[in-house]
Amino acid sequence: MDKSSKILVVDDFATMRKVIRNLLKQIGFENIAEAEDGEMALKELKSQHISFIISDWNMPNMTGLDLLKAVRADGDLCKTPFLMVTAEALQDNVVQAVKAGVDNYIVKPFTAEVLNEKITGIIAKYKK
């Protein structure tokens, strides 16, 4: 994935979206879209080409897990790489997300280096 690819950041807290946006910029990504919940994210995904999704787990209206399930069930979106972000490292959540088709999982707070490692690992998996 080249650095001009569009990444969608989904989080109900504007501050967290800004933090993730800044971390993405530190590792070279500039083309970043935002959504404040899963419903808005789906609208964004249907209206433009998104190359990668970074989504929070806990959000109103539609959770990150429900968004992941909707993306994986959509023939046009099902191959979009998906990184789940959460404040909780609960084993049950990880298992649910893996069963739903998440590509990887990251626990808040995290650094640009950790984010870059996760994105690079996911992209490498898709290139195989």
Protein backbone atom coordinates (compact mmCIF):
# COMPACT_ATOMS: atom_id res chain seq x y z
CA MET A 1 0.00 0.00 0.00
CA ASP A 2 1.55 3.28 -0.96
CA LYS A 3 1.48 6.28 1.32
CA SER A 4 -1.10 8.08 -0.85
CA SER A 5 -3.72 5.38 -0.20
CA LYS A 6 -6.79 6.63 1.65
CA ILE A 7 -7.21 5.49 5.26
CA LEU A 8 -10.51 5.78 7.11
CA VAL A 9 -10.24 6.52 10.84
CA VAL A 10 -13.43 5.68 12.75
CA ASP A 11 -13.80 6.82 16.37
CA ASP A 12 -16.57 8.60 18.26
CA PHE A 13 -14.06 10.90 19.99
CA ALA A 14 -12.75 13.71 17.77
CA THR A 15 -9.62 13.93 19.92
CA MET A 16 -8.79 10.27 19.31
CA ARG A 17 -9.37 10.67 15.55
CA LYS A 18 -6.95 13.60 15.64
CA VAL A 19 -4.36 11.56 17.58
CA ILE A 20 -4.58 8.68 15.08
CA ARG A 21 -4.48 11.14 12.15
CA ASN A 22 -1.29 12.70 13.59
CA LEU A 23 0.30 9.28 14.12
CA LEU A 24 -0.55 8.33 10.53
CA LYS A 25 1.04 11.55 9.30
CA GLN A 26 4.19 10.77 11.32
CA ILE A 27 4.55 7.51 9.40
CA GLY A 28 3.87 9.14 6.04
CA PHE A 29 0.12 8.81 5.39
CA GLU A 30 -1.59 12.06 4.38
CA ASN A 31 -4.81 10.90 2.69
CA ILE A 32 -7.05 10.36 5.72
CA ALA A 33 -10.84 10.35 5.98
CA GLU A 34 -12.76 10.32 9.26
CA ALA A 35 -16.08 9.02 10.58
CA GLU A 36 -17.50 9.27 14.08
CA ASP A 37 -19.30 5.92 14.13
CA GLY A 38 -19.83 2.76 12.11
CA GLU A 39 -22.89 4.09 10.28
CA MET A 40 -21.00 7.15 9.03
CA ALA A 41 -18.03 4.92 8.17
CA LEU A 42 -20.21 2.73 5.95
CA LYS A 43 -21.45 5.82 4.10
CA GLU A 44 -17.83 6.92 3.56
CA LEU A 45 -16.86 3.44 2.37
CA LYS A 46 -19.71 3.41 -0.15
CA SER A 47 -18.99 6.93 -1.46
CA GLN A 48 -15.21 6.77 -2.03
CA HIS A 49 -12.38 4.28 -2.38
CA ILE A 50 -10.88 3.52 1.03
CA SER A 51 -7.74 1.36 1.12
CA PHE A 52 -7.54 0.71 4.87
CA ILE A 53 -9.86 1.01 7.90
CA ILE A 54 -8.77 1.85 11.44
CA SER A 55 -11.78 1.61 13.73
CA ASP A 56 -12.47 1.99 17.42
CA TRP A 57 -14.44 -0.82 19.04
CA ASN A 58 -16.80 1.08 21.37
CA MET A 59 -18.96 3.62 19.53
CA PRO A 60 -22.63 4.62 19.58
CA ASN A 61 -25.03 3.78 16.71
CA MET A 62 -22.79 1.06 15.25
CA THR A 63 -19.82 -0.49 17.06
CA GLY A 64 -16.49 -1.27 15.45
CA LEU A 65 -17.35 -4.98 15.58
CA ASP A 66 -20.66 -4.37 13.77
CA LEU A 67 -18.84 -2.22 11.22
CA LEU A 68 -16.30 -5.01 10.69
CA LYS A 69 -19.10 -7.54 10.16
CA ALA A 70 -20.86 -5.21 7.69
CA VAL A 71 -17.61 -4.63 5.76
CA ARG A 72 -16.82 -8.37 5.59
CA ALA A 73 -20.39 -9.12 4.42
CA ASP A 74 -20.23 -6.56 1.57
CA GLY A 75 -18.90 -7.97 -1.71
CA ASP A 76 -17.32 -4.65 -2.69
CA LEU A 77 -15.69 -3.95 0.69
CA CYS A 78 -14.92 -7.41 2.09
CA LYS A 79 -11.21 -7.34 1.15
CA THR A 80 -10.54 -3.94 2.79
CA PRO A 81 -7.82 -4.28 5.46
CA PHE A 82 -9.26 -3.61 8.92
CA LEU A 83 -7.38 -2.68 12.10
CA MET A 84 -9.44 -2.60 15.31
CA VAL A 85 -8.51 -0.13 18.05
CA THR A 86 -9.73 -0.43 21.62
CA ALA A 87 -8.98 0.60 25.17
CA GLU A 88 -9.81 -2.89 26.42
CA ALA A 89 -7.56 -5.88 25.82
CA LEU A 90 -10.24 -8.41 26.72
CA GLN A 91 -9.56 -11.87 25.30
CA ASP A 92 -13.26 -12.34 24.42
CA ASN A 93 -13.19 -9.16 22.32
CA VAL A 94 -10.07 -10.31 20.47
CA VAL A 95 -11.69 -13.69 19.76
CA GLN A 96 -14.92 -12.03 18.53
CA ALA A 97 -12.99 -9.66 16.26
CA VAL A 98 -10.85 -12.48 14.82
CA LYS A 99 -13.95 -14.58 14.14
CA ALA A 100 -15.52 -11.58 12.38
CA GLY A 101 -12.45 -11.22 10.14
CA VAL A 102 -10.36 -8.44 11.69
CA ASP A 103 -6.82 -8.24 10.31
CA ASN A 104 -5.22 -7.08 13.53
CA TYR A 105 -5.93 -5.44 16.85
CA ILE A 106 -4.26 -2.58 18.70
CA VAL A 107 -4.77 -1.43 22.30
CA LYS A 108 -4.82 2.27 23.27
CA PRO A 109 -2.59 4.08 23.91
CA PHE A 110 -0.13 3.27 21.14
CA THR A 111 2.79 4.91 19.36
CA ALA A 112 3.38 5.71 15.70
CA GLU A 113 5.88 2.84 15.61
CA VAL A 114 3.33 0.31 16.85
CA LEU A 115 0.71 1.63 14.41
CA ASN A 116 3.21 1.41 11.55
CA GLU A 117 4.13 -2.19 12.50
CA LYS A 118 0.46 -3.21 12.53
CA ILE A 119 -0.31 -1.53 9.18
CA THR A 120 2.84 -2.97 7.56
CA GLY A 121 2.02 -6.45 8.85
CA ILE A 122 -1.55 -6.30 7.56
CA ILE A 123 -0.46 -5.02 4.13
CA ALA A 124 2.19 -7.76 3.86
CA LYS A 125 -0.53 -10.34 4.52
CA TYR A 126 -2.66 -8.94 1.68
CA LYS A 127 0.23 -9.01 -0.79
CA LYS A 128 0.63 -12.79 -0.41
